Amino acid sequence: MLGPLKSCVKWVLDHRQEWVERNCARNVHQLLDGEVLHMVDVGASGGILPRWRPYGADISFVGLEPDRRSYEALMQADEAREFHSYRLIPSGAWEADQKITISFTRKPTCSSHYPPNMPLLSRFPDAERFDVVAAGEVDCGTLDRLLADPGTQVDFIKLDLEGGELAVLTGARRTLATCIGLHVEVCFQQLRLGQPLFGPITEFLDRLGLEFIDFVTIMRWERDHYRGIGQAVAADALYLRSPENMIELVKAGVLDTTKLKRYLATLAIYGRCDLAEKTLDLAAAANLLGDEGYRRRARAVFARQQAELSKRAKFLARVSYVYSRWTNPNSSLHYIY
């Protein structure tokens, strides 16, 4: 009895998710208004971020992947044919053009230039996945050089390098000057010896006009479980330019007007409606995005998104109130989106 019921519920949920993703893709396509989002994925072996997958037809994708096996697998993957354009660069990225040493761990995705901090990691379950089983060198270049081909544009960067994020950013100052946002895995604890943590990464990006906006995931570990509670060890952090900064860069000629459409599309992907409304207000005041019809359509997109977010936030607030009153007055629920 339960088997067919579970299958039915799964079918309903899967089809609803497909419907939601189609609507989101239509909204982003409308906001782009013929433009294409240019995304760079440093450490592309895991495939594109799931959040970005519905928008492949409107994304020009450039991935960096030094591992030849992963490179070949990515080139043959069905996902590669879903993008507006798709290119892989067979190289790693770092702060300079050089070879760097990699400690290869028992679990491949835990490999890093920085050696694992086993005294800390051994406090938590399955620390053996960080055991170093081999070492080798990887050829790396700066993002500024690797992306220097004429015509290569960068709107958004995803970084997940097991501690190497700040080194890559240090070699990408020219690229970051026209970048509108980043999705970066950051750590709060020294999971690897010597790795830069959340603070230095945020300070570096803030100096370049890319502000920390929010955590879109948070990873917490307990001493005996991995179930989403416990000590916060890492997160995925979202960094974006502010609406004020975007408008000033467009007015100064550093960015062209079409970048605002790509910025608005990125805000829609991450549900940042307040930033979108401010951008549209400032653009109208500065006589940018002069097509009133486009601004009206964009406001309608974000009005619908804001209504949905508000509905979810109100529901969560009610559930959180009941949950804290009935279970633990020192607890509350948070909406991570």
Protein backbone atom coordinates (compact mmCIF):
# COMPACT_ATOMS: atom_id res chain seq x y z
CA MET A 1 0.00 0.00 0.00
CA LEU A 2 2.75 2.47 0.98
CA GLY A 3 4.81 1.71 -2.14
CA PRO A 4 2.25 2.96 -4.69
CA LEU A 5 1.43 5.94 -2.46
CA LYS A 6 5.10 6.96 -2.28
CA SER A 7 5.44 6.60 -6.05
CA CYS A 8 2.36 8.76 -6.58
CA VAL A 9 3.61 11.48 -4.22
CA LYS A 10 7.03 11.42 -5.88
CA TRP A 11 5.44 11.75 -9.32
CA VAL A 12 3.40 14.75 -8.18
CA LEU A 13 6.40 16.45 -6.54
CA ASP A 14 8.68 15.81 -9.54
CA HIS A 15 6.15 17.26 -11.97
CA ARG A 16 5.57 20.28 -9.75
CA GLN A 17 9.32 20.87 -9.61
CA GLU A 18 9.53 20.68 -13.40
CA TRP A 19 6.70 23.20 -13.67
CA VAL A 20 8.42 25.57 -11.21
CA GLU A 21 11.73 25.30 -13.09
CA ARG A 22 10.04 25.99 -16.44
CA ASN A 23 8.43 29.13 -15.01
CA CYS A 24 11.73 30.28 -13.52
CA ALA A 25 13.50 29.68 -16.84
CA ARG A 26 10.86 31.76 -18.66
CA ASN A 27 11.28 34.61 -16.18
CA VAL A 28 15.07 34.64 -16.53
CA HIS A 29 14.81 34.47 -20.31
CA GLN A 30 12.45 37.43 -20.25
CA LEU A 31 14.78 39.45 -18.02
CA LEU A 32 17.76 38.73 -20.26
CA ASP A 33 15.81 40.11 -23.21
CA GLY A 34 18.06 38.48 -25.80
CA GLU A 35 21.25 38.65 -23.70
CA VAL A 36 23.22 35.60 -22.52
CA LEU A 37 24.62 35.02 -19.02
CA HIS A 38 28.36 34.28 -19.01
CA MET A 39 29.25 31.86 -16.23
CA VAL A 40 32.69 30.55 -15.23
CA ASP A 41 32.92 27.39 -13.12
CA VAL A 42 36.31 26.90 -11.47
CA GLY A 43 36.45 23.24 -10.50
CA ALA A 44 33.83 22.02 -12.96
CA SER A 45 34.03 18.28 -12.27
CA GLY A 46 30.76 18.13 -10.33
CA GLY A 47 28.75 19.74 -13.13
CA ILE A 48 26.88 23.03 -13.03
CA LEU A 49 25.27 24.20 -9.80
CA PRO A 50 21.78 22.65 -9.57
CA ARG A 51 20.33 26.13 -9.01
CA TRP A 52 21.60 27.19 -12.46
CA ARG A 53 20.62 24.04 -14.36
CA PRO A 54 17.16 25.20 -15.55
CA TYR A 55 18.74 28.19 -17.33
CA GLY A 56 21.27 26.35 -19.49
CA ALA A 57 19.81 27.58 -22.79
CA ASP A 58 20.59 31.16 -21.72
CA ILE A 59 24.07 30.47 -20.30
CA SER A 60 27.44 30.67 -22.01
CA PHE A 61 29.43 28.27 -19.83
CA VAL A 62 33.20 28.12 -19.38
CA GLY A 63 34.55 25.47 -17.01
CA LEU A 64 38.08 24.90 -15.71
CA GLU A 65 39.00 21.28 -15.09
CA PRO A 66 42.63 20.08 -14.81
CA ASP A 67 41.81 16.39 -14.38
CA ARG A 68 41.87 14.78 -17.84
CA ARG A 69 39.42 12.05 -16.82
CA SER A 70 36.88 14.56 -15.51
CA TYR A 71 37.48 16.77 -18.54
CA GLU A 72 36.59 13.97 -20.96
CA ALA A 73 33.54 12.95 -18.92
CA LEU A 74 32.26 16.52 -18.86
CA MET A 75 32.70 16.94 -22.61
CA GLN A 76 30.66 13.78 -23.24
CA ALA A 77 27.93 14.57 -20.69
CA ASP A 78 24.39 15.36 -21.86
CA GLU A 79 24.56 18.54 -19.78
CA ALA A 80 27.18 19.98 -22.15
CA ARG A 81 24.60 20.13 -24.94
CA GLU A 82 22.03 22.01 -22.88
CA PHE A 83 23.89 25.33 -22.81
CA HIS A 84 23.82 28.24 -25.21
CA SER A 85 27.56 27.57 -25.52
CA TYR A 86 29.90 25.26 -23.61
CA ARG A 87 33.68 25.35 -23.31
CA LEU A 88 36.16 23.64 -21.00
CA ILE A 89 39.70 24.79 -20.28
CA PRO A 90 42.01 21.90 -19.27
CA SER A 91 43.77 23.76 -16.49
CA GLY A 92 43.55 24.58 -12.85
CA ALA A 93 43.45 28.16 -11.58
CA TRP A 94 45.64 29.83 -8.96
CA GLU A 95 47.14 33.17 -7.97
CA ALA A 96 49.98 32.82 -10.49
CA ASP A 97 50.93 30.72 -13.52
CA GLN A 98 52.62 27.82 -11.77
CA LYS A 99 52.46 24.18 -10.77
CA ILE A 100 50.88 23.50 -7.40
CA THR A 101 51.04 20.37 -5.29
CA ILE A 102 47.78 18.51 -4.65
CA SER A 103 47.21 16.07 -1.79
CA PHE A 104 44.90 13.42 -3.24
CA THR A 105 42.58 12.03 -0.57
CA ARG A 106 40.68 8.79 -0.19
CA LYS A 107 37.52 10.61 -1.27
CA PRO A 108 38.51 12.43 -4.48
CA THR A 109 36.34 15.50 -3.87
CA CYS A 110 38.25 16.18 -0.62
CA SER A 111 41.60 16.57 -2.44
CA SER A 112 43.27 19.95 -2.03
CA HIS A 113 46.50 21.91 -2.20
CA TYR A 114 46.16 22.39 1.55
CA PRO A 115 46.83 19.27 3.67
CA PRO A 116 43.92 18.03 5.78
CA ASN A 117 43.84 19.13 9.40
CA MET A 118 43.43 15.64 10.84
CA PRO A 119 43.40 16.64 14.55
CA LEU A 120 40.24 18.66 13.81
CA LEU A 121 38.72 16.31 11.24
CA SER A 122 39.19 13.27 13.50
CA ARG A 123 36.64 14.76 15.91
CA PHE A 124 33.93 14.00 13.35
CA PRO A 125 32.68 10.80 11.66
CA ASP A 126 34.27 9.34 8.53
CA ALA A 127 37.47 11.37 8.85
CA GLU A 128 39.16 8.64 6.78
CA ARG A 129 37.81 10.24 3.63
CA PHE A 130 40.47 12.92 4.13
CA ASP A 131 43.35 10.41 4.33
CA VAL A 132 46.05 11.39 1.83
CA VAL A 133 46.67 8.48 -0.53
CA ALA A 134 48.91 10.21 -3.08
CA ALA A 135 50.35 13.56 -4.11
CA GLY A 136 50.98 15.20 -7.44
CA GLU A 137 51.35 18.46 -9.30
CA VAL A 138 48.75 20.33 -11.36
CA ASP A 139 49.42 23.02 -13.94
CA CYS A 140 47.58 26.21 -13.03
CA GLY A 141 47.15 29.67 -14.45
CA THR A 142 45.52 32.88 -13.33
CA LEU A 143 41.92 33.40 -14.33
CA ASP A 144 42.96 36.72 -15.83
CA ARG A 145 45.22 34.90 -18.30
CA LEU A 146 43.06 31.83 -18.89
CA LEU A 147 40.04 33.99 -19.71
CA ALA A 148 41.95 36.56 -21.75
CA ASP A 149 40.76 35.26 -25.15
CA PRO A 150 38.99 37.99 -27.14
CA GLY A 151 35.24 37.79 -26.70
CA THR A 152 35.34 35.94 -23.37
CA GLN A 153 33.01 37.65 -20.91
CA VAL A 154 32.39 36.87 -17.26
CA ASP A 155 29.21 37.72 -15.39
CA PHE A 156 29.21 35.12 -12.63
CA ILE A 157 31.83 32.82 -11.09
CA LYS A 158 31.36 29.63 -9.09
CA LEU A 159 34.29 28.55 -6.89
CA ASP A 160 34.57 25.26 -5.01
CA LEU A 161 38.25 24.45 -4.57
CA GLU A 162 38.58 22.89 -1.12
CA GLY A 163 40.47 25.85 0.31
CA GLY A 164 41.97 27.39 -2.84
CA GLU A 165 39.28 30.03 -3.38
CA LEU A 166 41.27 33.08 -2.23
CA ALA A 167 44.31 32.08 -4.30
CA VAL A 168 42.14 31.92 -7.43
CA LEU A 169 40.51 35.28 -6.65
CA THR A 170 43.93 36.88 -6.15
CA GLY A 171 44.79 35.96 -9.73
CA ALA A 172 41.48 37.29 -11.09
CA ARG A 173 41.44 41.00 -10.26
CA ARG A 174 40.90 42.07 -13.89
CA THR A 175 38.17 39.48 -14.36
CA LEU A 176 36.44 40.51 -11.13
CA ALA A 177 36.36 44.16 -12.21
CA THR A 178 33.41 43.40 -14.50
CA CYS A 179 31.98 40.40 -12.64
CA ILE A 180 28.54 40.88 -11.06
CA GLY A 181 28.47 37.96 -8.63
CA LEU A 182 30.03 34.81 -7.22
CA HIS A 183 28.89 31.58 -5.55
CA VAL A 184 31.79 30.49 -3.31
CA GLU A 185 32.26 27.59 -0.93
CA VAL A 186 33.73 29.05 2.26
CA CYS A 187 34.93 27.47 5.49
CA PHE A 188 34.60 28.68 9.08
CA GLN A 189 37.02 26.10 10.51
CA GLN A 190 40.52 25.08 9.43
CA LEU A 191 39.49 21.81 7.78
CA ARG A 192 42.80 22.09 5.90
CA LEU A 193 45.98 23.53 7.31
CA GLY A 194 46.61 27.08 6.15
CA GLN A 195 43.45 27.53 4.10
CA PRO A 196 41.91 31.04 4.07
CA LEU A 197 38.57 31.15 5.84
CA PHE A 198 35.34 33.07 5.20
CA GLY A 199 36.61 36.35 6.66
CA PRO A 200 39.62 36.98 4.37
CA ILE A 201 37.65 35.92 1.28
CA THR A 202 34.82 38.31 2.13
CA GLU A 203 37.23 41.18 2.87
CA PHE A 204 39.03 40.64 -0.45
CA LEU A 205 35.81 40.67 -2.49
CA ASP A 206 34.35 43.60 -0.58
CA ARG A 207 37.34 45.73 -1.57
CA LEU A 208 36.43 45.00 -5.21
CA GLY A 209 32.80 46.01 -4.78
CA LEU A 210 31.40 42.49 -4.42
CA GLU A 211 29.41 42.35 -1.18
CA PHE A 212 28.53 39.33 0.91
CA ILE A 213 24.77 38.85 0.56
CA ASP A 214 23.81 35.57 2.20
CA PHE A 215 24.60 31.93 2.84
CA VAL A 216 22.63 29.78 0.42
CA THR A 217 23.62 26.56 2.20
CA ILE A 218 25.23 25.91 5.59
CA MET A 219 27.03 22.69 6.51
CA ARG A 220 27.02 21.66 10.17
CA TRP A 221 28.73 18.65 11.67
CA GLU A 222 28.06 16.81 14.92
CA ARG A 223 30.63 14.66 16.66
CA ASP A 224 28.68 11.50 15.83
CA HIS A 225 26.31 12.43 12.96
CA TYR A 226 25.92 14.38 9.75
CA ARG A 227 22.30 15.53 9.86
CA GLY A 228 22.43 19.29 9.46
CA ILE A 229 22.89 20.35 13.08
CA GLY A 230 25.99 20.82 15.17
CA GLN A 231 29.08 22.95 14.54
CA ALA A 232 29.02 25.18 11.44
CA VAL A 233 32.08 24.24 9.38
CA ALA A 234 31.37 25.49 5.85
CA ALA A 235 28.78 27.17 3.63
CA ASP A 236 28.05 28.32 0.12
CA ALA A 237 28.22 32.12 0.15
CA LEU A 238 26.63 34.49 -2.35
CA TYR A 239 28.46 37.70 -3.28
CA LEU A 240 26.92 40.38 -5.51
CA ARG A 241 27.48 43.95 -6.53
CA SER A 242 25.00 46.35 -4.98
CA PRO A 243 22.45 48.10 -7.20
CA GLU A 244 24.18 51.40 -6.43
CA ASN A 245 27.56 50.02 -7.52
CA MET A 246 26.11 48.54 -10.71
CA ILE A 247 24.51 51.84 -11.73
CA GLU A 248 27.68 53.82 -11.01
CA LEU A 249 29.80 51.39 -13.07
CA VAL A 250 27.38 51.64 -15.99
CA LYS A 251 27.31 55.44 -15.79
CA ALA A 252 31.13 55.46 -15.70
CA GLY A 253 31.32 53.26 -18.80
CA VAL A 254 33.03 50.37 -16.97
CA LEU A 255 30.00 48.16 -17.65
CA ASP A 256 27.61 48.44 -20.56
CA THR A 257 23.86 48.75 -20.12
CA THR A 258 23.19 45.16 -21.14
CA LYS A 259 25.07 44.07 -18.00
CA LEU A 260 22.12 45.37 -15.99
CA LYS A 261 19.83 42.84 -17.67
CA ARG A 262 22.24 40.04 -16.80
CA TYR A 263 22.43 41.38 -13.25
CA LEU A 264 18.63 41.35 -12.95
CA ALA A 265 18.53 37.78 -14.29
CA THR A 266 21.09 36.74 -11.67
CA LEU A 267 19.02 38.39 -8.93
CA ALA A 268 16.01 36.39 -10.11
CA ILE A 269 17.99 33.13 -9.98
CA TYR A 270 18.87 33.86 -6.34
CA GLY A 271 15.53 35.42 -5.38
CA ARG A 272 16.91 38.84 -4.41
CA CYS A 273 13.80 40.86 -5.19
CA ASP A 274 14.64 43.89 -3.04
CA LEU A 275 17.91 44.39 -4.91
CA ALA A 276 16.07 44.05 -8.22
CA GLU A 277 13.48 46.69 -7.32
CA LYS A 278 16.22 49.10 -6.22
CA THR A 279 18.13 48.46 -9.46
CA LEU A 280 15.06 49.21 -11.56
CA ASP A 281 14.36 52.40 -9.58
CA LEU A 282 17.94 53.64 -9.98
CA ALA A 283 18.03 52.67 -13.66
CA ALA A 284 14.84 54.63 -14.32
CA ALA A 285 16.19 57.69 -12.46
CA ALA A 286 19.44 57.55 -14.48
CA ASN A 287 17.59 56.95 -17.76
CA LEU A 288 19.18 53.54 -18.17
CA LEU A 289 17.26 50.54 -19.48
CA GLY A 290 15.28 53.22 -21.32
CA ASP A 291 12.66 50.81 -22.65
CA GLU A 292 9.75 51.38 -20.27
CA GLY A 293 8.14 48.19 -21.53
CA TYR A 294 11.17 46.17 -20.40
CA ARG A 295 11.18 47.79 -16.95
CA ARG A 296 7.44 47.10 -16.59
CA ARG A 297 7.90 43.43 -17.54
CA ALA A 298 10.86 43.12 -15.17
CA ARG A 299 8.88 44.60 -12.29
CA ALA A 300 6.08 42.12 -12.97
CA VAL A 301 8.54 39.21 -12.81
CA PHE A 302 9.91 40.34 -9.46
CA ALA A 303 6.46 41.19 -8.08
CA ARG A 304 5.42 37.57 -8.65
CA GLN A 305 8.64 36.30 -7.13
CA GLN A 306 8.34 38.62 -4.14
CA ALA A 307 4.75 37.49 -3.53
CA GLU A 308 5.89 33.86 -3.47
CA LEU A 309 8.83 34.61 -1.15
CA SER A 310 6.59 36.62 1.18
CA LYS A 311 4.08 33.78 1.35
CA ARG A 312 6.83 31.32 2.27
CA ALA A 313 8.34 33.68 4.84
CA LYS A 314 4.97 34.22 6.55
CA PHE A 315 4.31 30.49 6.64
CA LEU A 316 7.76 29.85 8.11
CA ALA A 317 7.25 32.57 10.73
CA ARG A 318 4.03 30.92 11.90
CA VAL A 319 5.58 27.46 11.99
CA SER A 320 8.64 28.83 13.82
CA TYR A 321 6.42 30.49 16.44
CA VAL A 322 4.49 27.29 17.09
CA TYR A 323 7.68 25.19 17.04
CA SER A 324 9.49 27.41 19.54
CA ARG A 325 6.46 27.67 21.86
CA TRP A 326 5.84 23.92 21.90
CA THR A 327 9.35 22.54 21.81
CA ASN A 328 12.16 24.97 22.66
CA PRO A 329 11.81 28.74 23.23
CA ASN A 330 15.51 29.18 22.36
CA SER A 331 15.06 27.82 18.83
CA SER A 332 13.81 29.35 15.59
CA LEU A 333 13.51 28.32 11.95
CA HIS A 334 15.31 30.16 9.16
CA TYR A 335 14.58 30.27 5.44
CA ILE A 336 17.75 29.58 3.45
CA TYR A 337 17.19 30.27 -0.22
